[in-house]
Amino acid sequence: MKNIDKVIENGIGFVSVAVLVFLLMCFLAVLIWCGVRSLLGKTLNLPPSCRKWARMRADVIRDDETDDINVRYFYEYKEFTAKIDGFTVYGDKAVIYVKRNEPEVVKEFIPVPPMSAPVYISCFFMAVIILLFGVALLTGVLL
């Protein structure tokens, strides 16, 4: 009976450590992703996929009674209307992304601006510190 309890405790410990290491590596990947994208001067998020979404310009239809912004667009010679938030409205046109297999679904791409130089340098610094502690723990366990 004691052996079964020890096996269960070891299994729970192993699973919890594996989950924590996985979450730490995900955090490390996000730090490196944000740092590299900011270093290159690009937005932190990516626009929708060109294979699934079609980028197009739409006509803006303003409603005076409500603050809603509707757009009218044509996809494969059919007219559609949709409600958007209005982030990508430029005068009487809006830039939207339409799902290719469901043209009724519309998305606006709101870019997240790159981080400033001190912030992305600190992201790289934190990533290096996490990697150094990971290597130190790994070599300490193996030796």
Protein backbone atom coordinates (compact mmCIF):
# COMPACT_ATOMS: atom_id res chain seq x y z
CA MET A 1 0.00 0.00 0.00
CA LYS A 2 2.85 2.37 0.77
CA ASN A 3 4.39 1.76 -2.66
CA ILE A 4 1.15 2.74 -4.41
CA ASP A 5 0.96 5.98 -2.42
CA LYS A 6 4.57 6.78 -3.29
CA VAL A 7 3.91 6.11 -7.00
CA ILE A 8 0.86 8.40 -6.93
CA GLU A 9 2.80 11.14 -5.13
CA ASN A 10 5.67 10.88 -7.61
CA GLY A 11 3.23 10.95 -10.54
CA ILE A 12 1.43 14.03 -9.22
CA GLY A 13 4.76 15.74 -8.56
CA PHE A 14 6.05 14.89 -12.02
CA VAL A 15 2.86 16.14 -13.72
CA SER A 16 2.82 19.39 -11.73
CA VAL A 17 6.49 20.10 -12.50
CA ALA A 18 5.93 19.30 -16.18
CA VAL A 19 2.96 21.72 -16.31
CA LEU A 20 4.99 24.46 -14.61
CA VAL A 21 7.92 23.95 -17.00
CA PHE A 22 5.54 24.04 -19.98
CA LEU A 23 3.97 27.31 -18.77
CA LEU A 24 7.42 28.80 -18.17
CA MET A 25 8.52 27.87 -21.71
CA CYS A 26 5.33 29.42 -23.13
CA PHE A 27 6.08 32.61 -21.21
CA LEU A 28 9.65 32.52 -22.51
CA ALA A 29 8.42 32.12 -26.09
CA VAL A 30 6.07 35.11 -25.69
CA LEU A 31 8.91 37.23 -24.29
CA ILE A 32 11.18 36.37 -27.20
CA TRP A 33 8.35 36.85 -29.76
CA CYS A 34 7.48 40.32 -28.43
CA GLY A 35 11.13 41.32 -28.18
CA VAL A 36 12.03 40.26 -31.73
CA ARG A 37 8.88 41.79 -33.29
CA SER A 38 9.52 45.07 -31.46
CA LEU A 39 13.19 45.05 -32.41
CA LEU A 40 12.18 44.76 -36.07
CA GLY A 41 9.63 47.57 -35.65
CA LYS A 42 6.61 45.39 -36.48
CA THR A 43 3.28 45.04 -34.72
CA LEU A 44 3.11 42.48 -31.93
CA ASN A 45 0.16 40.65 -33.44
CA LEU A 46 -0.18 39.27 -36.95
CA PRO A 47 -2.94 40.13 -39.43
CA PRO A 48 -5.44 37.38 -40.28
CA SER A 49 -4.27 34.60 -42.59
CA CYS A 50 -4.48 35.35 -46.31
CA ARG A 51 -5.66 31.80 -47.01
CA LYS A 52 -8.71 32.04 -44.77
CA TRP A 53 -9.45 35.77 -44.86
CA ALA A 54 -9.75 38.19 -47.77
CA ARG A 55 -8.70 41.79 -47.18
CA MET A 56 -10.99 44.31 -48.78
CA ARG A 57 -12.26 47.84 -48.69
CA ALA A 58 -15.87 48.40 -47.76
CA ASP A 59 -18.22 51.37 -48.02
CA VAL A 60 -19.22 52.86 -44.68
CA ILE A 61 -22.92 53.32 -43.97
CA ARG A 62 -23.40 55.71 -41.06
CA ASP A 63 -26.57 55.60 -38.99
CA ASP A 64 -27.51 58.97 -37.48
CA GLU A 65 -29.82 57.49 -34.85
CA THR A 66 -27.25 55.10 -33.35
CA ASP A 67 -23.49 55.15 -33.11
CA ASP A 68 -23.21 51.83 -34.93
CA ILE A 69 -21.03 51.68 -38.02
CA ASN A 70 -22.21 49.38 -40.78
CA VAL A 71 -20.22 48.53 -43.86
CA ARG A 72 -21.31 47.31 -47.27
CA TYR A 73 -18.96 45.10 -49.24
CA PHE A 74 -19.07 42.85 -52.26
CA TYR A 75 -17.62 39.36 -52.19
CA GLU A 76 -17.85 37.16 -55.27
CA TYR A 77 -20.42 39.49 -56.85
CA LYS A 78 -22.75 39.35 -53.84
CA GLU A 79 -23.50 42.27 -51.57
CA PHE A 80 -23.14 41.91 -47.81
CA THR A 81 -23.49 44.27 -44.85
CA ALA A 82 -21.91 43.93 -41.44
CA LYS A 83 -21.45 45.90 -38.23
CA ILE A 84 -17.91 46.87 -37.22
CA ASP A 85 -16.30 48.74 -34.34
CA GLY A 86 -14.97 51.50 -36.57
CA PHE A 87 -11.27 51.22 -35.86
CA THR A 88 -10.31 50.86 -39.53
CA VAL A 89 -12.66 53.51 -40.95
CA TYR A 90 -10.91 56.04 -43.16
CA GLY A 91 -13.44 58.60 -44.36
CA ASP A 92 -16.11 56.75 -46.29
CA LYS A 93 -14.08 53.50 -46.63
CA ALA A 94 -13.11 50.81 -44.14
CA VAL A 95 -10.51 48.05 -44.31
CA ILE A 96 -12.01 44.73 -43.28
CA TYR A 97 -11.19 41.04 -43.50
CA VAL A 98 -13.87 38.70 -44.83
CA LYS A 99 -13.81 34.97 -44.19
CA ARG A 100 -13.45 33.25 -47.55
CA ASN A 101 -15.76 30.29 -46.91
CA GLU A 102 -18.31 32.34 -44.90
CA PRO A 103 -18.48 35.87 -46.38
CA GLU A 104 -20.95 36.99 -43.70
CA VAL A 105 -18.18 36.85 -41.08
CA VAL A 106 -16.18 40.09 -40.91
CA LYS A 107 -13.14 40.93 -38.81
CA GLU A 108 -11.20 44.14 -38.23
CA PHE A 109 -7.44 43.93 -37.70
CA ILE A 110 -6.40 46.13 -34.79
CA PRO A 111 -2.59 46.20 -34.68
CA VAL A 112 -0.79 46.29 -31.34
CA PRO A 113 2.11 48.76 -31.69
CA PRO A 114 5.68 47.60 -31.03
CA MET A 115 7.20 48.10 -27.60
CA SER A 116 9.76 50.79 -26.86
CA ALA A 117 13.49 50.04 -26.76
CA PRO A 118 13.83 49.75 -22.96
CA VAL A 119 10.86 47.39 -22.80
CA TYR A 120 12.06 44.96 -25.46
CA ILE A 121 15.59 45.01 -24.03
CA SER A 122 14.12 44.05 -20.65
CA CYS A 123 12.13 41.26 -22.38
CA PHE A 124 15.38 39.85 -23.78
CA PHE A 125 17.05 40.25 -20.37
CA MET A 126 14.26 38.33 -18.61
CA ALA A 127 14.37 35.60 -21.26
CA VAL A 128 18.15 35.20 -20.82
CA ILE A 129 17.81 35.05 -17.02
CA ILE A 130 15.08 32.39 -17.29
CA LEU A 131 17.24 30.36 -19.68
CA LEU A 132 20.30 30.65 -17.40
CA PHE A 133 18.34 29.48 -14.36
CA GLY A 134 16.90 26.62 -16.40
CA VAL A 135 20.34 25.51 -17.55
CA ALA A 136 21.70 25.82 -14.00
CA LEU A 137 18.85 23.71 -12.60
CA LEU A 138 19.22 21.15 -15.38
CA THR A 139 22.98 20.78 -14.89
CA GLY A 140 22.51 20.64 -11.11
CA VAL A 141 20.01 17.81 -11.46
CA LEU A 142 22.13 15.89 -13.96
CA LEU A 143 25.38 16.14 -11.99
